[in-house]
Amino acid sequence: NSSAAFIRKMRQAGYGGQFLNFSVVGIDPLFSAL
């Protein structure tokens, strides 16, 4: 949830760089969130 919200708001703020996540993020729920 934190990761999805951060990615979304960073992009809205104009960030065009890369995001890299540790495996603990939960890849399937991250996909569901984003």
PDB file of all heavy atoms in Angstrom:
ATOM      1  N   ASN A   1       0.818  -1.210   0.000  1.00  0.00           N
ATOM      2  CA  ASN A   1       0.000   0.000   0.000  1.00  0.00           C
ATOM      3  C   ASN A   1       0.851   1.258   0.000  1.00  0.00           C
ATOM      4  O   ASN A   1       0.605   2.203  -0.761  1.00  0.00           O
ATOM      5  CB  ASN A   1      -0.951   0.006   1.204  1.00  0.00           C
ATOM      6  CG  ASN A   1      -2.193  -0.832   0.970  1.00  0.00           C
ATOM      7  OD1 ASN A   1      -2.642  -0.974  -0.168  1.00  0.00           O
ATOM      8  ND2 ASN A   1      -2.743  -1.412   2.027  1.00  0.00           N
ATOM      9  N   SER A   2       1.866   1.289   0.871  1.00  0.00           N
ATOM     10  CA  SER A   2       2.772   2.441   0.910  1.00  0.00           C
ATOM     11  C   SER A   2       3.499   2.590  -0.415  1.00  0.00           C
ATOM     12  O   SER A   2       3.637   3.703  -0.954  1.00  0.00           O
ATOM     13  CB  SER A   2       3.804   2.276   2.038  1.00  0.00           C
ATOM     14  OG  SER A   2       3.192   2.228   3.296  1.00  0.00           O
ATOM     15  N   SER A   3       3.991   1.471  -0.939  1.00  0.00           N
ATOM     16  CA  SER A   3       4.747   1.511  -2.187  1.00  0.00           C
ATOM     17  C   SER A   3       3.891   2.032  -3.331  1.00  0.00           C
ATOM     18  O   SER A   3       4.335   2.872  -4.126  1.00  0.00           O
ATOM     19  CB  SER A   3       5.264   0.107  -2.524  1.00  0.00           C
ATOM     20  OG  SER A   3       6.160  -0.349  -1.539  1.00  0.00           O
ATOM     21  N   ALA A   4       2.660   1.532  -3.435  1.00  0.00           N
ATOM     22  CA  ALA A   4       1.767   1.964  -4.512  1.00  0.00           C
ATOM     23  C   ALA A   4       1.448   3.454  -4.400  1.00  0.00           C
ATOM     24  O   ALA A   4       1.484   4.190  -5.395  1.00  0.00           O
ATOM     25  CB  ALA A   4       0.484   1.144  -4.493  1.00  0.00           C
ATOM     26  N   ALA A   5       1.135   3.907  -3.199  1.00  0.00           N
ATOM     27  CA  ALA A   5       0.805   5.319  -3.006  1.00  0.00           C
ATOM     28  C   ALA A   5       1.997   6.209  -3.330  1.00  0.00           C
ATOM     29  O   ALA A   5       1.854   7.264  -3.967  1.00  0.00           O
ATOM     30  CB  ALA A   5       0.358   5.551  -1.561  1.00  0.00           C
ATOM     31  N   PHE A   6       3.191   5.777  -2.929  1.00  0.00           N
ATOM     32  CA  PHE A   6       4.384   6.576  -3.175  1.00  0.00           C
ATOM     33  C   PHE A   6       4.694   6.651  -4.675  1.00  0.00           C
ATOM     34  O   PHE A   6       4.984   7.730  -5.204  1.00  0.00           O
ATOM     35  CB  PHE A   6       5.571   5.976  -2.422  1.00  0.00           C
ATOM     36  CG  PHE A   6       6.853   6.717  -2.618  1.00  0.00           C
ATOM     37  CD1 PHE A   6       7.104   7.899  -1.937  1.00  0.00           C
ATOM     38  CD2 PHE A   6       7.819   6.248  -3.498  1.00  0.00           C
ATOM     39  CE1 PHE A   6       8.284   8.604  -2.129  1.00  0.00           C
ATOM     40  CE2 PHE A   6       9.001   6.935  -3.704  1.00  0.00           C
ATOM     41  CZ  PHE A   6       9.237   8.117  -3.011  1.00  0.00           C
ATOM     42  N   ILE A   7       4.639   5.518  -5.354  1.00  0.00           N
ATOM     43  CA  ILE A   7       4.896   5.499  -6.800  1.00  0.00           C
ATOM     44  C   ILE A   7       3.920   6.407  -7.530  1.00  0.00           C
ATOM     45  O   ILE A   7       4.304   7.232  -8.375  1.00  0.00           O
ATOM     46  CB  ILE A   7       4.814   4.057  -7.343  1.00  0.00           C
ATOM     47  CG1 ILE A   7       5.992   3.222  -6.833  1.00  0.00           C
ATOM     48  CG2 ILE A   7       4.782   4.053  -8.874  1.00  0.00           C
ATOM     49  CD1 ILE A   7       5.841   1.727  -7.080  1.00  0.00           C
ATOM     50  N   ARG A   8       2.653   6.275  -7.197  1.00  0.00           N
ATOM     51  CA  ARG A   8       1.615   7.051  -7.887  1.00  0.00           C
ATOM     52  C   ARG A   8       1.823   8.566  -7.671  1.00  0.00           C
ATOM     53  O   ARG A   8       1.793   9.358  -8.622  1.00  0.00           O
ATOM     54  CB  ARG A   8       0.245   6.609  -7.372  1.00  0.00           C
ATOM     55  CG  ARG A   8      -0.925   7.224  -8.106  1.00  0.00           C
ATOM     56  CD  ARG A   8      -2.228   6.613  -7.646  1.00  0.00           C
ATOM     57  NE  ARG A   8      -2.413   5.267  -8.179  1.00  0.00           N
ATOM     58  CZ  ARG A   8      -2.582   4.171  -7.429  1.00  0.00           C
ATOM     59  NH1 ARG A   8      -2.588   4.264  -6.114  1.00  0.00           N
ATOM     60  NH2 ARG A   8      -2.740   2.997  -8.013  1.00  0.00           N
ATOM     61  N   LYS A   9       2.086   8.964  -6.429  1.00  0.00           N
ATOM     62  CA  LYS A   9       2.210  10.396  -6.128  1.00  0.00           C
ATOM     63  C   LYS A   9       3.530  10.981  -6.625  1.00  0.00           C
ATOM     64  O   LYS A   9       3.598  12.160  -6.992  1.00  0.00           O
ATOM     65  CB  LYS A   9       2.016  10.627  -4.636  1.00  0.00           C
ATOM     66  CG  LYS A   9       0.580  10.365  -4.195  1.00  0.00           C
ATOM     67  CD  LYS A   9       0.310  10.792  -2.766  1.00  0.00           C
ATOM     68  CE  LYS A   9      -1.171  10.581  -2.419  1.00  0.00           C
ATOM     69  NZ  LYS A   9      -1.512  11.048  -1.052  1.00  0.00           N
ATOM     70  N   MET A  10       4.588  10.187  -6.640  1.00  0.00           N
ATOM     71  CA  MET A  10       5.852  10.662  -7.209  1.00  0.00           C
ATOM     72  C   MET A  10       5.670  10.932  -8.704  1.00  0.00           C
ATOM     73  O   MET A  10       6.146  11.952  -9.235  1.00  0.00           O
ATOM     74  CB  MET A  10       6.960   9.636  -6.987  1.00  0.00           C
ATOM     75  CG  MET A  10       7.543   9.621  -5.597  1.00  0.00           C
ATOM     76  SD  MET A  10       8.615  11.047  -5.224  1.00  0.00           S
ATOM     77  CE  MET A  10      10.119  10.607  -6.113  1.00  0.00           C
ATOM     78  N   ARG A  11       5.000  10.040  -9.400  1.00  0.00           N
ATOM     79  CA  ARG A  11       4.772  10.251 -10.832  1.00  0.00           C
ATOM     80  C   ARG A  11       3.875  11.461 -11.080  1.00  0.00           C
ATOM     81  O   ARG A  11       4.106  12.232 -12.012  1.00  0.00           O
ATOM     82  CB  ARG A  11       4.165   8.991 -11.447  1.00  0.00           C
ATOM     83  CG  ARG A  11       5.196   7.863 -11.621  1.00  0.00           C
ATOM     84  CD  ARG A  11       4.565   6.588 -12.110  1.00  0.00           C
ATOM     85  NE  ARG A  11       5.563   5.588 -12.482  1.00  0.00           N
ATOM     86  CZ  ARG A  11       5.303   4.308 -12.701  1.00  0.00           C
ATOM     87  NH1 ARG A  11       4.035   3.882 -12.602  1.00  0.00           N
ATOM     88  NH2 ARG A  11       6.259   3.467 -13.033  1.00  0.00           N
ATOM     89  N   GLN A  12       2.878  11.634 -10.212  1.00  0.00           N
ATOM     90  CA  GLN A  12       2.007  12.800 -10.346  1.00  0.00           C
ATOM     91  C   GLN A  12       2.785  14.099 -10.135  1.00  0.00           C
ATOM     92  O   GLN A  12       2.455  15.142 -10.714  1.00  0.00           O
ATOM     93  CB  GLN A  12       0.852  12.702  -9.345  1.00  0.00           C
ATOM     94  CG  GLN A  12      -0.169  11.624  -9.688  1.00  0.00           C
ATOM     95  CD  GLN A  12      -1.192  11.399  -8.585  1.00  0.00           C
ATOM     96  OE1 GLN A  12      -1.113  12.011  -7.501  1.00  0.00           O
ATOM     97  NE2 GLN A  12      -2.174  10.546  -8.855  1.00  0.00           N
ATOM     98  N   ALA A  13       3.833  14.015  -9.303  1.00  0.00           N
ATOM     99  CA  ALA A  13       4.670  15.190  -9.029  1.00  0.00           C
ATOM    100  C   ALA A  13       5.690  15.442 -10.131  1.00  0.00           C
ATOM    101  O   ALA A  13       6.444  16.415 -10.079  1.00  0.00           O
ATOM    102  CB  ALA A  13       5.376  15.023  -7.690  1.00  0.00           C
ATOM    103  N   GLY A  14       5.737  14.544 -11.129  1.00  0.00           N
ATOM    104  CA  GLY A  14       6.624  14.749 -12.258  1.00  0.00           C
ATOM    105  C   GLY A  14       7.882  13.904 -12.265  1.00  0.00           C
ATOM    106  O   GLY A  14       8.745  14.065 -13.137  1.00  0.00           O
ATOM    107  N   TYR A  15       7.992  12.955 -11.335  1.00  0.00           N
ATOM    108  CA  TYR A  15       9.199  12.121 -11.275  1.00  0.00           C
ATOM    109  C   TYR A  15       9.200  11.109 -12.418  1.00  0.00           C
ATOM    110  O   TYR A  15       8.205  10.404 -12.645  1.00  0.00           O
ATOM    111  CB  TYR A  15       9.264  11.382  -9.937  1.00  0.00           C
ATOM    112  CG  TYR A  15      10.455  10.456  -9.797  1.00  0.00           C
ATOM    113  CD1 TYR A  15      11.739  10.975  -9.695  1.00  0.00           C
ATOM    114  CD2 TYR A  15      10.287   9.076  -9.789  1.00  0.00           C
ATOM    115  CE1 TYR A  15      12.832  10.129  -9.562  1.00  0.00           C
ATOM    116  CE2 TYR A  15      11.373   8.223  -9.658  1.00  0.00           C
ATOM    117  CZ  TYR A  15      12.642   8.757  -9.550  1.00  0.00           C
ATOM    118  OH  TYR A  15      13.727   7.919  -9.427  1.00  0.00           O
ATOM    119  N   GLY A  16      10.302  11.030 -13.145  1.00  0.00           N
ATOM    120  CA  GLY A  16      10.391  10.112 -14.270  1.00  0.00           C
ATOM    121  C   GLY A  16      11.455   9.047 -14.103  1.00  0.00           C
ATOM    122  O   GLY A  16      11.765   8.337 -15.061  1.00  0.00           O
ATOM    123  N   GLY A  17      12.016   8.931 -12.902  1.00  0.00           N
ATOM    124  CA  GLY A  17      13.067   7.951 -12.658  1.00  0.00           C
ATOM    125  C   GLY A  17      12.519   6.566 -12.354  1.00  0.00           C
ATOM    126  O   GLY A  17      11.328   6.291 -12.491  1.00  0.00           O
ATOM    127  N   GLN A  18      13.405   5.703 -11.887  1.00  0.00           N
ATOM    128  CA  GLN A  18      13.065   4.296 -11.668  1.00  0.00           C
ATOM    129  C   GLN A  18      12.694   4.026 -10.217  1.00  0.00           C
ATOM    130  O   GLN A  18      13.208   4.656  -9.293  1.00  0.00           O
ATOM    131  CB  GLN A  18      14.259   3.415 -12.060  1.00  0.00           C
ATOM    132  CG  GLN A  18      13.951   1.937 -12.118  1.00  0.00           C
ATOM    133  CD  GLN A  18      15.079   1.159 -12.778  1.00  0.00           C
ATOM    134  OE1 GLN A  18      16.247   1.400 -12.548  1.00  0.00           O
ATOM    135  NE2 GLN A  18      14.711   0.199 -13.629  1.00  0.00           N
ATOM    136  N   PHE A  19      11.795   3.067 -10.028  1.00  0.00           N
ATOM    137  CA  PHE A  19      11.447   2.568  -8.700  1.00  0.00           C
ATOM    138  C   PHE A  19      11.898   1.116  -8.598  1.00  0.00           C
ATOM    139  O   PHE A  19      11.636   0.314  -9.493  1.00  0.00           O
ATOM    140  CB  PHE A  19       9.933   2.629  -8.469  1.00  0.00           C
ATOM    141  CG  PHE A  19       9.352   4.009  -8.507  1.00  0.00           C
ATOM    142  CD1 PHE A  19       8.745   4.490  -9.660  1.00  0.00           C
ATOM    143  CD2 PHE A  19       9.406   4.834  -7.397  1.00  0.00           C
ATOM    144  CE1 PHE A  19       8.211   5.759  -9.716  1.00  0.00           C
ATOM    145  CE2 PHE A  19       8.871   6.123  -7.438  1.00  0.00           C
ATOM    146  CZ  PHE A  19       8.272   6.587  -8.597  1.00  0.00           C
ATOM    147  N   LEU A  20      12.572   0.785  -7.494  1.00  0.00           N
ATOM    148  CA  LEU A  20      13.036  -0.578  -7.253  1.00  0.00           C
ATOM    149  C   LEU A  20      12.586  -1.003  -5.864  1.00  0.00           C
ATOM    150  O   LEU A  20      12.740  -0.252  -4.895  1.00  0.00           O
ATOM    151  CB  LEU A  20      14.560  -0.676  -7.359  1.00  0.00           C
ATOM    152  CG  LEU A  20      15.169  -0.168  -8.673  1.00  0.00           C
ATOM    153  CD1 LEU A  20      15.781   1.215  -8.458  1.00  0.00           C
ATOM    154  CD2 LEU A  20      16.229  -1.129  -9.201  1.00  0.00           C
ATOM    155  N   ASN A  21      12.008  -2.199  -5.755  1.00  0.00           N
ATOM    156  CA  ASN A  21      11.402  -2.659  -4.511  1.00  0.00           C
ATOM    157  C   ASN A  21      12.050  -3.922  -3.982  1.00  0.00           C
ATOM    158  O   ASN A  21      12.404  -4.824  -4.754  1.00  0.00           O
ATOM    159  CB  ASN A  21       9.915  -2.965  -4.735  1.00  0.00           C
ATOM    160  CG  ASN A  21       9.103  -1.723  -5.001  1.00  0.00           C
ATOM    161  OD1 ASN A  21       8.449  -1.197  -4.130  1.00  0.00           O
ATOM    162  ND2 ASN A  21       9.142  -1.244  -6.240  1.00  0.00           N
ATOM    163  N   PHE A  22      12.177  -4.011  -2.661  1.00  0.00           N
ATOM    164  CA  PHE A  22      12.538  -5.266  -2.014  1.00  0.00           C
ATOM    165  C   PHE A  22      11.375  -6.254  -2.174  1.00  0.00           C
ATOM    166  O   PHE A  22      10.216  -5.870  -2.304  1.00  0.00           O
ATOM    167  CB  PHE A  22      12.803  -5.039  -0.527  1.00  0.00           C
ATOM    168  CG  PHE A  22      14.168  -4.509  -0.199  1.00  0.00           C
ATOM    169  CD1 PHE A  22      14.565  -3.251  -0.618  1.00  0.00           C
ATOM    170  CD2 PHE A  22      15.062  -5.263   0.548  1.00  0.00           C
ATOM    171  CE1 PHE A  22      15.819  -2.752  -0.307  1.00  0.00           C
ATOM    172  CE2 PHE A  22      16.315  -4.779   0.872  1.00  0.00           C
ATOM    173  CZ  PHE A  22      16.707  -3.522   0.440  1.00  0.00           C
ATOM    174  N   SER A  23      11.684  -7.542  -2.095  1.00  0.00           N
ATOM    175  CA  SER A  23      10.661  -8.570  -2.298  1.00  0.00           C
ATOM    176  C   SER A  23       9.559  -8.526  -1.251  1.00  0.00           C
ATOM    177  O   SER A  23       8.450  -8.992  -1.505  1.00  0.00           O
ATOM    178  CB  SER A  23      11.309  -9.963  -2.293  1.00  0.00           C
ATOM    179  OG  SER A  23      11.916 -10.240  -1.039  1.00  0.00           O
ATOM    180  N   VAL A  24       9.851  -7.956  -0.073  1.00  0.00           N
ATOM    181  CA  VAL A  24       8.848  -7.914   0.991  1.00  0.00           C
ATOM    182  C   VAL A  24       7.638  -7.063   0.621  1.00  0.00           C
ATOM    183  O   VAL A  24       6.617  -7.097   1.312  1.00  0.00           O
ATOM    184  CB  VAL A  24       9.465  -7.392   2.312  1.00  0.00           C
ATOM    185  CG1 VAL A  24      10.452  -8.398   2.882  1.00  0.00           C
ATOM    186  CG2 VAL A  24      10.143  -6.033   2.098  1.00  0.00           C
ATOM    187  N   VAL A  25       7.731  -6.309  -0.481  1.00  0.00           N
ATOM    188  CA  VAL A  25       6.613  -5.472  -0.890  1.00  0.00           C
ATOM    189  C   VAL A  25       5.346  -6.294  -1.112  1.00  0.00           C
ATOM    190  O   VAL A  25       4.235  -5.836  -0.845  1.00  0.00           O
ATOM    191  CB  VAL A  25       6.969  -4.679  -2.172  1.00  0.00           C
ATOM    192  CG1 VAL A  25       7.163  -5.599  -3.354  1.00  0.00           C
ATOM    193  CG2 VAL A  25       5.929  -3.625  -2.486  1.00  0.00           C
ATOM    194  N   GLY A  26       5.495  -7.528  -1.596  1.00  0.00           N
ATOM    195  CA  GLY A  26       4.342  -8.337  -1.978  1.00  0.00           C
ATOM    196  C   GLY A  26       3.979  -8.022  -3.416  1.00  0.00           C
ATOM    197  O   GLY A  26       3.196  -7.112  -3.700  1.00  0.00           O
ATOM    198  N   ILE A  27       4.556  -8.750  -4.360  1.00  0.00           N
ATOM    199  CA  ILE A  27       4.420  -8.416  -5.775  1.00  0.00           C
ATOM    200  C   ILE A  27       2.972  -8.509  -6.262  1.00  0.00           C
ATOM    201  O   ILE A  27       2.508  -7.658  -7.023  1.00  0.00           O
ATOM    202  CB  ILE A  27       5.355  -9.321  -6.625  1.00  0.00           C
ATOM    203  CG1 ILE A  27       5.326  -8.888  -8.095  1.00  0.00           C
ATOM    204  CG2 ILE A  27       5.005 -10.794  -6.474  1.00  0.00           C
ATOM    205  CD1 ILE A  27       6.387  -9.571  -8.945  1.00  0.00           C
ATOM    206  N   ASP A  28       2.229  -9.500  -5.793  1.00  0.00           N
ATOM    207  CA  ASP A  28       0.848  -9.644  -6.254  1.00  0.00           C
ATOM    208  C   ASP A  28      -0.065  -8.558  -5.694  1.00  0.00           C
ATOM    209  O   ASP A  28      -0.811  -7.926  -6.447  1.00  0.00           O
ATOM    210  CB  ASP A  28       0.332 -11.039  -5.926  1.00  0.00           C
ATOM    211  CG  ASP A  28       1.028 -12.102  -6.756  1.00  0.00           C
ATOM    212  OD1 ASP A  28       0.885 -12.085  -7.988  1.00  0.00           O
ATOM    213  OD2 ASP A  28       1.745 -12.935  -6.178  1.00  0.00           O
ATOM    214  N   PRO A  29      -0.033  -8.290  -4.382  1.00  0.00           N
ATOM    215  CA  PRO A  29      -0.859  -7.176  -3.897  1.00  0.00           C
ATOM    216  C   PRO A  29      -0.415  -5.821  -4.436  1.00  0.00           C
ATOM    217  O   PRO A  29      -1.236  -4.921  -4.581  1.00  0.00           O
ATOM    218  CB  PRO A  29      -0.729  -7.259  -2.373  1.00  0.00           C
ATOM    219  CG  PRO A  29       0.426  -8.146  -2.093  1.00  0.00           C
ATOM    220  CD  PRO A  29       0.538  -9.067  -3.261  1.00  0.00           C
ATOM    221  N   LEU A  30       0.887  -5.667  -4.767  1.00  0.00           N
ATOM    222  CA  LEU A  30       1.331  -4.411  -5.368  1.00  0.00           C
ATOM    223  C   LEU A  30       0.690  -4.238  -6.740  1.00  0.00           C
ATOM    224  O   LEU A  30       0.249  -3.142  -7.101  1.00  0.00           O
ATOM    225  CB  LEU A  30       2.855  -4.386  -5.490  1.00  0.00           C
ATOM    226  CG  LEU A  30       3.434  -3.102  -6.112  1.00  0.00           C
ATOM    227  CD1 LEU A  30       3.154  -1.899  -5.221  1.00  0.00           C
ATOM    228  CD2 LEU A  30       4.936  -3.242  -6.361  1.00  0.00           C
ATOM    229  N   PHE A  31       0.627  -5.318  -7.504  1.00  0.00           N
ATOM    230  CA  PHE A  31      -0.034  -5.255  -8.807  1.00  0.00           C
ATOM    231  C   PHE A  31      -1.515  -4.923  -8.639  1.00  0.00           C
ATOM    232  O   PHE A  31      -2.076  -4.121  -9.393  1.00  0.00           O
ATOM    233  CB  PHE A  31       0.129  -6.577  -9.554  1.00  0.00           C
ATOM    234  CG  PHE A  31      -0.580  -6.607 -10.880  1.00  0.00           C
ATOM    235  CD1 PHE A  31      -0.045  -5.965 -11.981  1.00  0.00           C
ATOM    236  CD2 PHE A  31      -1.798  -7.260 -11.017  1.00  0.00           C
ATOM    237  CE1 PHE A  31      -0.713  -5.977 -13.204  1.00  0.00           C
ATOM    238  CE2 PHE A  31      -2.459  -7.284 -12.234  1.00  0.00           C
ATOM    239  CZ  PHE A  31      -1.917  -6.639 -13.332  1.00  0.00           C
ATOM    240  N   SER A  32      -2.148  -5.527  -7.639  1.00  0.00           N
ATOM    241  CA  SER A  32      -3.565  -5.240  -7.396  1.00  0.00           C
ATOM    242  C   SER A  32      -3.770  -3.768  -7.051  1.00  0.00           C
ATOM    243  O   SER A  32      -4.769  -3.156  -7.452  1.00  0.00           O
ATOM    244  CB  SER A  32      -4.096  -6.120  -6.260  1.00  0.00           C
ATOM    245  OG  SER A  32      -4.051  -7.485  -6.615  1.00  0.00           O
ATOM    246  N   ALA A  33      -2.818  -3.192  -6.308  1.00  0.00           N
ATOM    247  CA  ALA A  33      -2.947  -1.800  -5.880  1.00  0.00           C
ATOM    248  C   ALA A  33      -2.656  -0.809  -7.006  1.00  0.00           C
ATOM    249  O   ALA A  33      -3.286   0.247  -7.091  1.00  0.00           O
ATOM    250  CB  ALA A  33      -2.008  -1.531  -4.704  1.00  0.00           C
ATOM    251  N   LEU A  34      -1.703  -1.149  -7.886  1.00  0.00           N
ATOM    252  CA  LEU A  34      -1.288  -0.212  -8.929  1.00  0.00           C
ATOM    253  C   LEU A  34      -1.959  -0.445 -10.274  1.00  0.00           C
ATOM    254  O   LEU A  34      -2.107   0.492 -11.063  1.00  0.00           O
ATOM    255  CB  LEU A  34       0.234  -0.292  -9.120  1.00  0.00           C
ATOM    256  CG  LEU A  34       1.096   0.519  -8.164  1.00  0.00           C
ATOM    257  CD1 LEU A  34       2.574   0.235  -8.432  1.00  0.00           C
ATOM    258  CD2 LEU A  34       0.815   2.009  -8.263  1.00  0.00           C
TER     259      LEU A  34
END
